[in-house]
């Protein structure tokens, strides 16, 4: 799905996959978020096929705004609430600053804890 924005020069379309990429990068910048060796968000499933098919980020457009859902794994030794709050703030500001699309909410779900 694309989000269309009208401006004086024409139409701007931002793909949801671009928003997913921005959100993943923003979340991975937060200390305490567990990442894979490829610097991607960790998922709890151990099966390689599941890791390829399951995206930890979902984007839904409602009107002119986007709602983002993100599942994270925190590293042991960090307060999950503080990590999730930092992810919310960084994802929202990054997506809005880079795309100009209003983010109505960022729902963060902590799905696990991983040792370093």
PDB file of N, CA and C in Angstrom:
ATOM      1  N   UNK A   1       0.842  -1.176   0.000  1.00  0.00           N
ATOM      2  CA  UNK A   1       0.000   0.000   0.000  1.00  0.00           C
ATOM      3  C   UNK A   1       0.883   1.233   0.000  1.00  0.00           C
ATOM      4  N   UNK A   2       0.437   2.240  -0.706  1.00  0.00           N
ATOM      5  CA  UNK A   2       1.160   3.500  -0.767  1.00  0.00           C
ATOM      6  C   UNK A   2       0.357   4.576  -0.075  1.00  0.00           C
ATOM      7  N   UNK A   3       1.047   5.559   0.453  1.00  0.00           N
ATOM      8  CA  UNK A   3       0.384   6.721   1.010  1.00  0.00           C
ATOM      9  C   UNK A   3       0.638   7.873   0.048  1.00  0.00           C
ATOM     10  N   UNK A   4      -0.424   8.486  -0.425  1.00  0.00           N
ATOM     11  CA  UNK A   4      -0.313   9.579  -1.385  1.00  0.00           C
ATOM     12  C   UNK A   4      -0.451  10.908  -0.675  1.00  0.00           C
ATOM     13  N   UNK A   5       0.370  11.867  -1.045  1.00  0.00           N
ATOM     14  CA  UNK A   5       0.284  13.216  -0.518  1.00  0.00           C
ATOM     15  C   UNK A   5       0.300  14.184  -1.684  1.00  0.00           C
ATOM     16  N   UNK A   6      -0.680  15.053  -1.728  1.00  0.00           N
ATOM     17  CA  UNK A   6      -0.734  16.063  -2.777  1.00  0.00           C
ATOM     18  C   UNK A   6       0.087  17.275  -2.339  1.00  0.00           C
ATOM     19  N   UNK A   7       0.871  17.806  -3.242  1.00  0.00           N
ATOM     20  CA  UNK A   7       1.565  19.057  -2.981  1.00  0.00           C
ATOM     21  C   UNK A   7       1.550  19.885  -4.254  1.00  0.00           C
ATOM     22  N   UNK A   8       2.120  21.067  -4.205  1.00  0.00           N
ATOM     23  CA  UNK A   8       2.043  21.988  -5.335  1.00  0.00           C
ATOM     24  C   UNK A   8       2.758  21.454  -6.571  1.00  0.00           C
ATOM     25  N   UNK A   9       3.765  20.612  -6.378  1.00  0.00           N
ATOM     26  CA  UNK A   9       4.530  20.109  -7.514  1.00  0.00           C
ATOM     27  C   UNK A   9       3.946  18.812  -8.079  1.00  0.00           C
ATOM     28  N   UNK A  10       2.996  18.203  -7.372  1.00  0.00           N
ATOM     29  CA  UNK A  10       2.427  16.943  -7.843  1.00  0.00           C
ATOM     30  C   UNK A  10       2.101  16.028  -6.685  1.00  0.00           C
ATOM     31  N   UNK A  11       2.162  14.746  -6.944  1.00  0.00           N
ATOM     32  CA  UNK A  11       1.808  13.749  -5.938  1.00  0.00           C
ATOM     33  C   UNK A  11       3.063  13.057  -5.433  1.00  0.00           C
ATOM     34  N   UNK A  12       3.107  12.859  -4.139  1.00  0.00           N
ATOM     35  CA  UNK A  12       4.208  12.137  -3.505  1.00  0.00           C
ATOM     36  C   UNK A  12       3.663  10.807  -3.011  1.00  0.00           C
ATOM     37  N   UNK A  13       4.287   9.714  -3.402  1.00  0.00           N
ATOM     38  CA  UNK A  13       3.876   8.386  -2.956  1.00  0.00           C
ATOM     39  C   UNK A  13       5.005   7.762  -2.158  1.00  0.00           C
ATOM     40  N   UNK A  14       4.667   7.287  -0.968  1.00  0.00           N
ATOM     41  CA  UNK A  14       5.648   6.605  -0.122  1.00  0.00           C
ATOM     42  C   UNK A  14       5.122   5.203   0.129  1.00  0.00           C
ATOM     43  N   UNK A  15       5.881   4.218  -0.271  1.00  0.00           N
ATOM     44  CA  UNK A  15       5.489   2.825  -0.099  1.00  0.00           C
ATOM     45  C   UNK A  15       5.575   2.435   1.371  1.00  0.00           C
ATOM     46  N   UNK A  16       4.708   1.532   1.789  1.00  0.00           N
ATOM     47  CA  UNK A  16       4.756   1.054   3.168  1.00  0.00           C
ATOM     48  C   UNK A  16       6.076   0.331   3.452  1.00  0.00           C
ATOM     49  N   UNK A  17       6.683  -0.254   2.433  1.00  0.00           N
ATOM     50  CA  UNK A  17       7.972  -0.928   2.645  1.00  0.00           C
ATOM     51  C   UNK A  17       9.077   0.075   2.991  1.00  0.00           C
ATOM     52  N   UNK A  18       8.968   1.296   2.492  1.00  0.00           N
ATOM     53  CA  UNK A  18       9.925   2.344   2.849  1.00  0.00           C
ATOM     54  C   UNK A  18       9.734   2.726   4.312  1.00  0.00           C
ATOM     55  N   UNK A  19       8.491   2.847   4.738  1.00  0.00           N
ATOM     56  CA  UNK A  19       8.203   3.182   6.131  1.00  0.00           C
ATOM     57  C   UNK A  19       8.684   2.062   7.058  1.00  0.00           C
ATOM     58  N   UNK A  20       8.497   0.815   6.641  1.00  0.00           N
ATOM     59  CA  UNK A  20       8.994  -0.323   7.420  1.00  0.00           C
ATOM     60  C   UNK A  20      10.508  -0.237   7.569  1.00  0.00           C
ATOM     61  N   UNK A  21      11.200   0.069   6.500  1.00  0.00           N
ATOM     62  CA  UNK A  21      12.654   0.167   6.531  1.00  0.00           C
ATOM     63  C   UNK A  21      13.120   1.293   7.460  1.00  0.00           C
ATOM     64  N   UNK A  22      12.471   2.439   7.382  1.00  0.00           N
ATOM     65  CA  UNK A  22      12.814   3.570   8.254  1.00  0.00           C
ATOM     66  C   UNK A  22      12.557   3.192   9.708  1.00  0.00           C
ATOM     67  N   UNK A  23      11.404   2.566   9.972  1.00  0.00           N
ATOM     68  CA  UNK A  23      11.047   2.187  11.337  1.00  0.00           C
ATOM     69  C   UNK A  23      12.030   1.166  11.906  1.00  0.00           C
ATOM     70  N   UNK A  24      12.440   0.211  11.093  1.00  0.00           N
ATOM     71  CA  UNK A  24      13.394  -0.793  11.567  1.00  0.00           C
ATOM     72  C   UNK A  24      14.746  -0.161  11.887  1.00  0.00           C
ATOM     73  N   UNK A  25      15.188   0.732  11.047  1.00  0.00           N
ATOM     74  CA  UNK A  25      16.452   1.426  11.298  1.00  0.00           C
ATOM     75  C   UNK A  25      16.362   2.252  12.574  1.00  0.00           C
ATOM     76  N   UNK A  26      15.262   2.965  12.742  1.00  0.00           N
ATOM     77  CA  UNK A  26      15.071   3.795  13.934  1.00  0.00           C
ATOM     78  C   UNK A  26      15.032   2.952  15.198  1.00  0.00           C
ATOM     79  N   UNK A  27      14.344   1.815  15.157  1.00  0.00           N
ATOM     80  CA  UNK A  27      14.262   0.939  16.330  1.00  0.00           C
ATOM     81  C   UNK A  27      15.622   0.339  16.656  1.00  0.00           C
ATOM     82  N   UNK A  28      16.384  -0.017  15.633  1.00  0.00           N
ATOM     83  CA  UNK A  28      17.683  -0.650  15.862  1.00  0.00           C
ATOM     84  C   UNK A  28      18.716   0.324  16.436  1.00  0.00           C
ATOM     85  N   UNK A  29      18.441   1.620  16.370  1.00  0.00           N
ATOM     86  CA  UNK A  29      19.341   2.624  16.941  1.00  0.00           C
ATOM     87  C   UNK A  29      19.226   2.714  18.463  1.00  0.00           C
ATOM     88  N   UNK A  30      18.188   2.135  19.033  1.00  0.00           N
ATOM     89  CA  UNK A  30      17.932   2.250  20.464  1.00  0.00           C
ATOM     90  C   UNK A  30      18.719   1.195  21.235  1.00  0.00           C
ATOM     91  N   UNK A  31      19.441   1.653  22.245  1.00  0.00           N
ATOM     92  CA  UNK A  31      20.212   0.748  23.088  1.00  0.00           C
ATOM     93  C   UNK A  31      19.254  -0.139  23.875  1.00  0.00           C
ATOM     94  N   UNK A  32      19.507  -1.438  23.844  1.00  0.00           N
ATOM     95  CA  UNK A  32      18.666  -2.390  24.549  1.00  0.00           C
ATOM     96  C   UNK A  32      17.774  -3.199  23.628  1.00  0.00           C
ATOM     97  N   UNK A  33      17.696  -2.815  22.352  1.00  0.00           N
ATOM     98  CA  UNK A  33      16.920  -3.584  21.380  1.00  0.00           C
ATOM     99  C   UNK A  33      17.835  -4.670  20.814  1.00  0.00           C
ATOM    100  N   UNK A  34      17.393  -5.916  20.901  1.00  0.00           N
ATOM    101  CA  UNK A  34      18.190  -7.038  20.404  1.00  0.00           C
ATOM    102  C   UNK A  34      18.157  -7.073  18.879  1.00  0.00           C
ATOM    103  N   UNK A  35      19.324  -7.258  18.287  1.00  0.00           N
ATOM    104  CA  UNK A  35      19.455  -7.298  16.833  1.00  0.00           C
ATOM    105  C   UNK A  35      20.082  -8.619  16.404  1.00  0.00           C
ATOM    106  N   UNK A  36      19.861  -8.988  15.149  1.00  0.00           N
ATOM    107  CA  UNK A  36      20.538 -10.154  14.581  1.00  0.00           C
ATOM    108  C   UNK A  36      21.933  -9.714  14.146  1.00  0.00           C
ATOM    109  N   UNK A  37      22.717 -10.644  13.682  1.00  0.00           N
ATOM    110  CA  UNK A  37      24.069 -10.313  13.212  1.00  0.00           C
ATOM    111  C   UNK A  37      24.029  -9.400  11.990  1.00  0.00           C
ATOM    112  N   UNK A  38      22.898  -9.389  11.280  1.00  0.00           N
ATOM    113  CA  UNK A  38      22.743  -8.528  10.101  1.00  0.00           C
ATOM    114  C   UNK A  38      22.152  -7.165  10.466  1.00  0.00           C
ATOM    115  N   UNK A  39      22.143  -6.843  11.771  1.00  0.00           N
ATOM    116  CA  UNK A  39      21.631  -5.557  12.269  1.00  0.00           C
ATOM    117  C   UNK A  39      20.140  -5.365  12.010  1.00  0.00           C
ATOM    118  N   UNK A  40      19.405  -6.460  11.943  1.00  0.00           N
ATOM    119  CA  UNK A  40      17.953  -6.430  11.800  1.00  0.00           C
ATOM    120  C   UNK A  40      17.342  -6.724  13.159  1.00  0.00           C
ATOM    121  N   UNK A  41      16.072  -6.360  13.335  1.00  0.00           N
ATOM    122  CA  UNK A  41      15.391  -6.652  14.588  1.00  0.00           C
ATOM    123  C   UNK A  41      15.296  -8.154  14.794  1.00  0.00           C
ATOM    124  N   UNK A  42      15.588  -8.595  15.997  1.00  0.00           N
ATOM    125  CA  UNK A  42      15.504 -10.017  16.316  1.00  0.00           C
ATOM    126  C   UNK A  42      14.046 -10.427  16.446  1.00  0.00           C
ATOM    127  N   UNK A  43      13.744 -11.648  16.030  1.00  0.00           N
ATOM    128  CA  UNK A  43      12.421 -12.234  16.256  1.00  0.00           C
ATOM    129  C   UNK A  43      12.634 -13.489  17.105  1.00  0.00           C
ATOM    130  N   UNK A  44      11.626 -13.896  17.831  1.00  0.00           N
ATOM    131  CA  UNK A  44      11.787 -15.000  18.771  1.00  0.00           C
ATOM    132  C   UNK A  44      11.783 -16.377  18.122  1.00  0.00           C
ATOM    133  N   UNK A  45      11.225 -16.524  16.936  1.00  0.00           N
ATOM    134  CA  UNK A  45      11.156 -17.837  16.294  1.00  0.00           C
ATOM    135  C   UNK A  45      12.556 -18.302  15.898  1.00  0.00           C
ATOM    136  N   UNK A  46      12.854 -19.566  16.163  1.00  0.00           N
ATOM    137  CA  UNK A  46      14.173 -20.103  15.837  1.00  0.00           C
ATOM    138  C   UNK A  46      14.255 -20.664  14.426  1.00  0.00           C
ATOM    139  N   UNK A  47      13.126 -20.993  13.834  1.00  0.00           N
ATOM    140  CA  UNK A  47      13.130 -21.592  12.506  1.00  0.00           C
ATOM    141  C   UNK A  47      13.528 -20.549  11.454  1.00  0.00           C
ATOM    142  N   UNK A  48      14.511 -20.852  10.611  1.00  0.00           N
ATOM    143  CA  UNK A  48      14.953 -19.887   9.599  1.00  0.00           C
ATOM    144  C   UNK A  48      13.839 -19.435   8.659  1.00  0.00           C
ATOM    145  N   UNK A  49      12.944 -20.353   8.281  1.00  0.00           N
ATOM    146  CA  UNK A  49      11.857 -19.995   7.385  1.00  0.00           C
ATOM    147  C   UNK A  49      10.919 -18.974   8.034  1.00  0.00           C
ATOM    148  N   UNK A  50      10.636 -19.158   9.313  1.00  0.00           N
ATOM    149  CA  UNK A  50       9.762 -18.231  10.030  1.00  0.00           C
ATOM    150  C   UNK A  50      10.407 -16.851  10.093  1.00  0.00           C
ATOM    151  N   UNK A  51      11.711 -16.797  10.327  1.00  0.00           N
ATOM    152  CA  UNK A  51      12.411 -15.513  10.400  1.00  0.00           C
ATOM    153  C   UNK A  51      12.320 -14.747   9.083  1.00  0.00           C
ATOM    154  N   UNK A  52      12.300 -15.464   7.960  1.00  0.00           N
ATOM    155  CA  UNK A  52      12.195 -14.804   6.662  1.00  0.00           C
ATOM    156  C   UNK A  52      10.779 -14.313   6.382  1.00  0.00           C
ATOM    157  N   UNK A  53       9.780 -15.026   6.894  1.00  0.00           N
ATOM    158  CA  UNK A  53       8.393 -14.712   6.574  1.00  0.00           C
ATOM    159  C   UNK A  53       7.737 -13.747   7.554  1.00  0.00           C
ATOM    160  N   UNK A  54       8.253 -13.647   8.770  1.00  0.00           N
ATOM    161  CA  UNK A  54       7.625 -12.827   9.799  1.00  0.00           C
ATOM    162  C   UNK A  54       8.321 -11.477   9.873  1.00  0.00           C
ATOM    163  N   UNK A  55       7.568 -10.443   9.648  1.00  0.00           N
ATOM    164  CA  UNK A  55       8.115  -9.098   9.778  1.00  0.00           C
ATOM    165  C   UNK A  55       7.729  -8.545  11.136  1.00  0.00           C
ATOM    166  N   UNK A  56       8.677  -7.980  11.857  1.00  0.00           N
ATOM    167  CA  UNK A  56       8.354  -7.421  13.165  1.00  0.00           C
ATOM    168  C   UNK A  56       7.649  -6.061  13.084  1.00  0.00           C
ATOM    169  N   UNK A  57       7.428  -5.558  11.869  1.00  0.00           N
ATOM    170  CA  UNK A  57       6.833  -4.228  11.717  1.00  0.00           C
ATOM    171  C   UNK A  57       5.648  -4.283  10.763  1.00  0.00           C
ATOM    172  N   UNK A  58       4.554  -3.676  11.194  1.00  0.00           N
ATOM    173  CA  UNK A  58       3.344  -3.564  10.369  1.00  0.00           C
ATOM    174  C   UNK A  58       2.977  -2.089  10.268  1.00  0.00           C
ATOM    175  N   UNK A  59       2.540  -1.679   9.081  1.00  0.00           N
ATOM    176  CA  UNK A  59       2.127  -0.287   8.849  1.00  0.00           C
ATOM    177  C   UNK A  59       0.702  -0.301   8.305  1.00  0.00           C
ATOM    178  N   UNK A  60      -0.150   0.535   8.892  1.00  0.00           N
ATOM    179  CA  UNK A  60      -1.517   0.713   8.396  1.00  0.00           C
ATOM    180  C   UNK A  60      -1.751   2.189   8.169  1.00  0.00           C
ATOM    181  N   UNK A  61      -2.343   2.492   7.014  1.00  0.00           N
ATOM    182  CA  UNK A  61      -2.682   3.881   6.700  1.00  0.00           C
ATOM    183  C   UNK A  61      -4.149   4.118   6.997  1.00  0.00           C
ATOM    184  N   UNK A  62      -4.418   5.223   7.655  1.00  0.00           N
ATOM    185  CA  UNK A  62      -5.791   5.670   7.902  1.00  0.00           C
ATOM    186  C   UNK A  62      -5.843   7.133   7.528  1.00  0.00           C
ATOM    187  N   UNK A  63      -6.467   7.388   6.391  1.00  0.00           N
ATOM    188  CA  UNK A  63      -6.506   8.766   5.909  1.00  0.00           C
ATOM    189  C   UNK A  63      -5.112   9.237   5.557  1.00  0.00           C
ATOM    190  N   UNK A  64      -4.718  10.358   6.140  1.00  0.00           N
ATOM    191  CA  UNK A  64      -3.405  10.941   5.857  1.00  0.00           C
ATOM    192  C   UNK A  64      -2.343  10.543   6.873  1.00  0.00           C
ATOM    193  N   UNK A  65      -2.636   9.609   7.759  1.00  0.00           N
ATOM    194  CA  UNK A  65      -1.661   9.243   8.785  1.00  0.00           C
ATOM    195  C   UNK A  65      -1.388   7.740   8.766  1.00  0.00           C
ATOM    196  N   UNK A  66      -0.306   7.386   9.410  1.00  0.00           N
ATOM    197  CA  UNK A  66       0.101   5.983   9.480  1.00  0.00           C
ATOM    198  C   UNK A  66       0.127   5.539  10.937  1.00  0.00           C
ATOM    199  N   UNK A  67      -0.303   4.313  11.156  1.00  0.00           N
ATOM    200  CA  UNK A  67      -0.180   3.673  12.460  1.00  0.00           C
ATOM    201  C   UNK A  67       0.827   2.543  12.294  1.00  0.00           C
ATOM    202  N   UNK A  68       1.800   2.492  13.181  1.00  0.00           N
ATOM    203  CA  UNK A  68       2.879   1.519  13.063  1.00  0.00           C
ATOM    204  C   UNK A  68       2.853   0.589  14.270  1.00  0.00           C
ATOM    205  N   UNK A  69       2.942  -0.696  14.005  1.00  0.00           N
ATOM    206  CA  UNK A  69       3.062  -1.696  15.054  1.00  0.00           C
ATOM    207  C   UNK A  69       4.425  -2.350  14.925  1.00  0.00           C
ATOM    208  N   UNK A  70       5.136  -2.469  16.025  1.00  0.00           N
ATOM    209  CA  UNK A  70       6.478  -3.031  15.980  1.00  0.00           C
ATOM    210  C   UNK A  70       6.676  -3.983  17.154  1.00  0.00           C
ATOM    211  N   UNK A  71       7.221  -5.150  16.866  1.00  0.00           N
ATOM    212  CA  UNK A  71       7.537  -6.139  17.899  1.00  0.00           C
ATOM    213  C   UNK A  71       9.044  -6.163  18.079  1.00  0.00           C
ATOM    214  N   UNK A  72       9.475  -6.066  19.336  1.00  0.00           N
ATOM    215  CA  UNK A  72      10.911  -6.054  19.611  1.00  0.00           C
ATOM    216  C   UNK A  72      11.265  -7.103  20.651  1.00  0.00           C
ATOM    217  N   UNK A  73      12.525  -7.474  20.651  1.00  0.00           N
ATOM    218  CA  UNK A  73      13.115  -8.295  21.686  1.00  0.00           C
ATOM    219  C   UNK A  73      14.113  -7.390  22.394  1.00  0.00           C
ATOM    220  N   UNK A  74      14.031  -7.337  23.721  1.00  0.00           N
ATOM    221  CA  UNK A  74      14.974  -6.499  24.457  1.00  0.00           C
ATOM    222  C   UNK A  74      16.143  -7.347  24.943  1.00  0.00           C
ATOM    223  N   UNK A  75      17.248  -6.679  25.174  1.00  0.00           N
ATOM    224  CA  UNK A  75      18.408  -7.365  25.731  1.00  0.00           C
ATOM    225  C   UNK A  75      18.278  -7.405  27.244  1.00  0.00           C
ATOM    226  N   UNK A  76      18.784  -8.449  27.827  1.00  0.00           N
ATOM    227  CA  UNK A  76      18.718  -8.597  29.275  1.00  0.00           C
ATOM    228  C   UNK A  76      19.533  -7.474  29.920  1.00  0.00           C
ATOM    229  N   UNK A  77      19.039  -6.955  31.029  1.00  0.00           N
ATOM    230  CA  UNK A  77      19.730  -5.877  31.723  1.00  0.00           C
ATOM    231  C   UNK A  77      19.143  -4.508  31.431  1.00  0.00           C
ATOM    232  N   UNK A  78      18.200  -4.424  30.505  1.00  0.00           N
ATOM    233  CA  UNK A  78      17.538  -3.164  30.166  1.00  0.00           C
ATOM    234  C   UNK A  78      16.083  -3.221  30.606  1.00  0.00           C
ATOM    235  N   UNK A  79      15.548  -2.097  31.029  1.00  0.00           N
ATOM    236  CA  UNK A  79      14.137  -2.036  31.392  1.00  0.00           C
ATOM    237  C   UNK A  79      13.310  -2.014  30.116  1.00  0.00           C
ATOM    238  N   UNK A  80      12.463  -3.015  29.967  1.00  0.00           N
ATOM    239  CA  UNK A  80      11.667  -3.164  28.747  1.00  0.00           C
ATOM    240  C   UNK A  80      10.808  -1.924  28.493  1.00  0.00           C
ATOM    241  N   UNK A  81      10.224  -1.358  29.536  1.00  0.00           N
ATOM    242  CA  UNK A  81       9.371  -0.180  29.373  1.00  0.00           C
ATOM    243  C   UNK A  81      10.170   0.989  28.801  1.00  0.00           C
ATOM    244  N   UNK A  82      11.357   1.223  29.332  1.00  0.00           N
ATOM    245  CA  UNK A  82      12.184   2.343  28.860  1.00  0.00           C
ATOM    246  C   UNK A  82      12.635   2.140  27.421  1.00  0.00           C
ATOM    247  N   UNK A  83      13.000   0.914  27.082  1.00  0.00           N
ATOM    248  CA  UNK A  83      13.417   0.604  25.704  1.00  0.00           C
ATOM    249  C   UNK A  83      12.243   0.809  24.750  1.00  0.00           C
ATOM    250  N   UNK A  84      11.071   0.294  25.116  1.00  0.00           N
ATOM    251  CA  UNK A  84       9.890   0.423  24.259  1.00  0.00           C
ATOM    252  C   UNK A  84       9.498   1.879  24.060  1.00  0.00           C
ATOM    253  N   UNK A  85       9.561   2.668  25.103  1.00  0.00           N
ATOM    254  CA  UNK A  85       9.225   4.091  24.997  1.00  0.00           C
ATOM    255  C   UNK A  85      10.203   4.816  24.073  1.00  0.00           C
ATOM    256  N   UNK A  86      11.479   4.510  24.191  1.00  0.00           N
ATOM    257  CA  UNK A  86      12.490   5.122  23.318  1.00  0.00           C
ATOM    258  C   UNK A  86      12.273   4.707  21.866  1.00  0.00           C
ATOM    259  N   UNK A  87      11.890   3.444  21.648  1.00  0.00           N
ATOM    260  CA  UNK A  87      11.595   2.967  20.292  1.00  0.00           C
ATOM    261  C   UNK A  87      10.411   3.740  19.727  1.00  0.00           C
ATOM    262  N   UNK A  88       9.347   3.892  20.508  1.00  0.00           N
ATOM    263  CA  UNK A  88       8.167   4.645  20.075  1.00  0.00           C
ATOM    264  C   UNK A  88       8.558   6.039  19.596  1.00  0.00           C
ATOM    265  N   UNK A  89       9.296   6.744  20.421  1.00  0.00           N
ATOM    266  CA  UNK A  89       9.656   8.126  20.108  1.00  0.00           C
ATOM    267  C   UNK A  89      10.550   8.210  18.877  1.00  0.00           C
ATOM    268  N   UNK A  90      11.540   7.322  18.789  1.00  0.00           N
ATOM    269  CA  UNK A  90      12.485   7.388  17.674  1.00  0.00           C
ATOM    270  C   UNK A  90      11.838   6.978  16.350  1.00  0.00           C
ATOM    271  N   UNK A  91      10.995   5.958  16.388  1.00  0.00           N
ATOM    272  CA  UNK A  91      10.311   5.524  15.166  1.00  0.00           C
ATOM    273  C   UNK A  91       9.384   6.631  14.671  1.00  0.00           C
ATOM    274  N   UNK A  92       8.591   7.194  15.561  1.00  0.00           N
ATOM    275  CA  UNK A  92       7.649   8.245  15.165  1.00  0.00           C
ATOM    276  C   UNK A  92       8.377   9.441  14.563  1.00  0.00           C
ATOM    277  N   UNK A  93       9.399   9.933  15.245  1.00  0.00           N
ATOM    278  CA  UNK A  93      10.087  11.123  14.729  1.00  0.00           C
ATOM    279  C   UNK A  93      10.839  10.819  13.435  1.00  0.00           C
ATOM    280  N   UNK A  94      11.438   9.646  13.321  1.00  0.00           N
ATOM    281  CA  UNK A  94      12.188   9.301  12.103  1.00  0.00           C
ATOM    282  C   UNK A  94      11.273   9.200  10.891  1.00  0.00           C
ATOM    283  N   UNK A  95      10.151   8.497  11.040  1.00  0.00           N
ATOM    284  CA  UNK A  95       9.221   8.337   9.917  1.00  0.00           C
ATOM    285  C   UNK A  95       8.643   9.692   9.518  1.00  0.00           C
ATOM    286  N   UNK A  96       8.232  10.487  10.491  1.00  0.00           N
ATOM    287  CA  UNK A  96       7.652  11.801  10.171  1.00  0.00           C
ATOM    288  C   UNK A  96       8.676  12.718   9.523  1.00  0.00           C
ATOM    289  N   UNK A  97       9.897  12.740  10.041  1.00  0.00           N
ATOM    290  CA  UNK A  97      10.930  13.626   9.486  1.00  0.00           C
ATOM    291  C   UNK A  97      11.373  13.212   8.088  1.00  0.00           C
ATOM    292  N   UNK A  98      11.442  11.914   7.838  1.00  0.00           N
ATOM    293  CA  UNK A  98      11.965  11.445   6.550  1.00  0.00           C
ATOM    294  C   UNK A  98      10.913  11.390   5.450  1.00  0.00           C
ATOM    295  N   UNK A  99       9.629  11.237   5.826  1.00  0.00           N
ATOM    296  CA  UNK A  99       8.602  11.091   4.800  1.00  0.00           C
ATOM    297  C   UNK A  99       7.592  12.232   4.768  1.00  0.00           C
ATOM    298  N   UNK A 100       7.461  12.959   5.870  1.00  0.00           N
ATOM    299  CA  UNK A 100       6.446  14.001   5.947  1.00  0.00           C
ATOM    300  C   UNK A 100       5.064  13.452   6.245  1.00  0.00           C
ATOM    301  N   UNK A 101       4.963  12.148   6.476  1.00  0.00           N
ATOM    302  CA  UNK A 101       3.692  11.504   6.792  1.00  0.00           C
ATOM    303  C   UNK A 101       3.486  11.559   8.301  1.00  0.00           C
ATOM    304  N   UNK A 102       2.301  11.950   8.718  1.00  0.00           N
ATOM    305  CA  UNK A 102       1.981  11.987  10.131  1.00  0.00           C
ATOM    306  C   UNK A 102       1.830  10.566  10.660  1.00  0.00           C
ATOM    307  N   UNK A 103       2.482  10.296  11.768  1.00  0.00           N
ATOM    308  CA  UNK A 103       2.357   9.000  12.429  1.00  0.00           C
ATOM    309  C   UNK A 103       1.414   9.193  13.609  1.00  0.00           C
ATOM    310  N   UNK A 104       0.243   8.556  13.533  1.00  0.00           N
ATOM    311  CA  UNK A 104      -0.762   8.728  14.584  1.00  0.00           C
ATOM    312  C   UNK A 104      -0.395   7.985  15.855  1.00  0.00           C
ATOM    313  N   UNK A 105       0.238   6.821  15.706  1.00  0.00           N
ATOM    314  CA  UNK A 105       0.667   6.070  16.884  1.00  0.00           C
ATOM    315  C   UNK A 105       1.702   5.030  16.491  1.00  0.00           C
ATOM    316  N   UNK A 106       2.506   4.670  17.475  1.00  0.00           N
ATOM    317  CA  UNK A 106       3.466   3.582  17.320  1.00  0.00           C
ATOM    318  C   UNK A 106       3.219   2.631  18.484  1.00  0.00           C
ATOM    319  N   UNK A 107       2.709   1.456  18.181  1.00  0.00           N
ATOM    320  CA  UNK A 107       2.460   0.441  19.189  1.00  0.00           C
ATOM    321  C   UNK A 107       3.674  -0.484  19.245  1.00  0.00           C
ATOM    322  N   UNK A 108       4.311  -0.548  20.409  1.00  0.00           N
ATOM    323  CA  UNK A 108       5.480  -1.399  20.581  1.00  0.00           C
ATOM    324  C   UNK A 108       5.091  -2.581  21.459  1.00  0.00           C
ATOM    325  N   UNK A 109       5.432  -3.751  20.980  1.00  0.00           N
ATOM    326  CA  UNK A 109       5.151  -4.981  21.726  1.00  0.00           C
ATOM    327  C   UNK A 109       6.478  -5.668  22.031  1.00  0.00           C
ATOM    328  N   UNK A 110       6.770  -5.856  23.305  1.00  0.00           N
ATOM    329  CA  UNK A 110       7.992  -6.568  23.703  1.00  0.00           C
ATOM    330  C   UNK A 110       7.637  -8.051  23.705  1.00  0.00           C
ATOM    331  N   UNK A 111       8.285  -8.807  22.806  1.00  0.00           N
ATOM    332  CA  UNK A 111       7.944 -10.218  22.643  1.00  0.00           C
ATOM    333  C   UNK A 111       8.959 -11.166  23.253  1.00  0.00           C
ATOM    334  N   UNK A 112      10.041 -10.612  23.815  1.00  0.00           N
ATOM    335  CA  UNK A 112      11.026 -11.490  24.424  1.00  0.00           C
ATOM    336  C   UNK A 112      12.198 -10.736  24.994  1.00  0.00           C
ATOM    337  N   UNK A 113      13.039 -11.481  25.699  1.00  0.00           N
ATOM    338  CA  UNK A 113      14.266 -10.947  26.278  1.00  0.00           C
ATOM    339  C   UNK A 113      15.393 -11.854  25.852  1.00  0.00           C
ATOM    340  N   UNK A 114      16.485 -11.268  25.424  1.00  0.00           N
ATOM    341  CA  UNK A 114      17.621 -12.037  24.905  1.00  0.00           C
ATOM    342  C   UNK A 114      18.885 -11.643  25.654  1.00  0.00           C
ATOM    343  N   UNK A 115      19.721 -12.621  25.954  1.00  0.00           N
ATOM    344  CA  UNK A 115      21.007 -12.300  26.583  1.00  0.00           C
ATOM    345  C   UNK A 115      21.943 -11.747  25.530  1.00  0.00           C
ATOM    346  N   UNK A 116      22.871 -10.936  25.963  1.00  0.00           N
ATOM    347  CA  UNK A 116      23.800 -10.261  25.033  1.00  0.00           C
ATOM    348  C   UNK A 116      24.718 -11.229  24.342  1.00  0.00           C
TER     349      UNK A 116
END
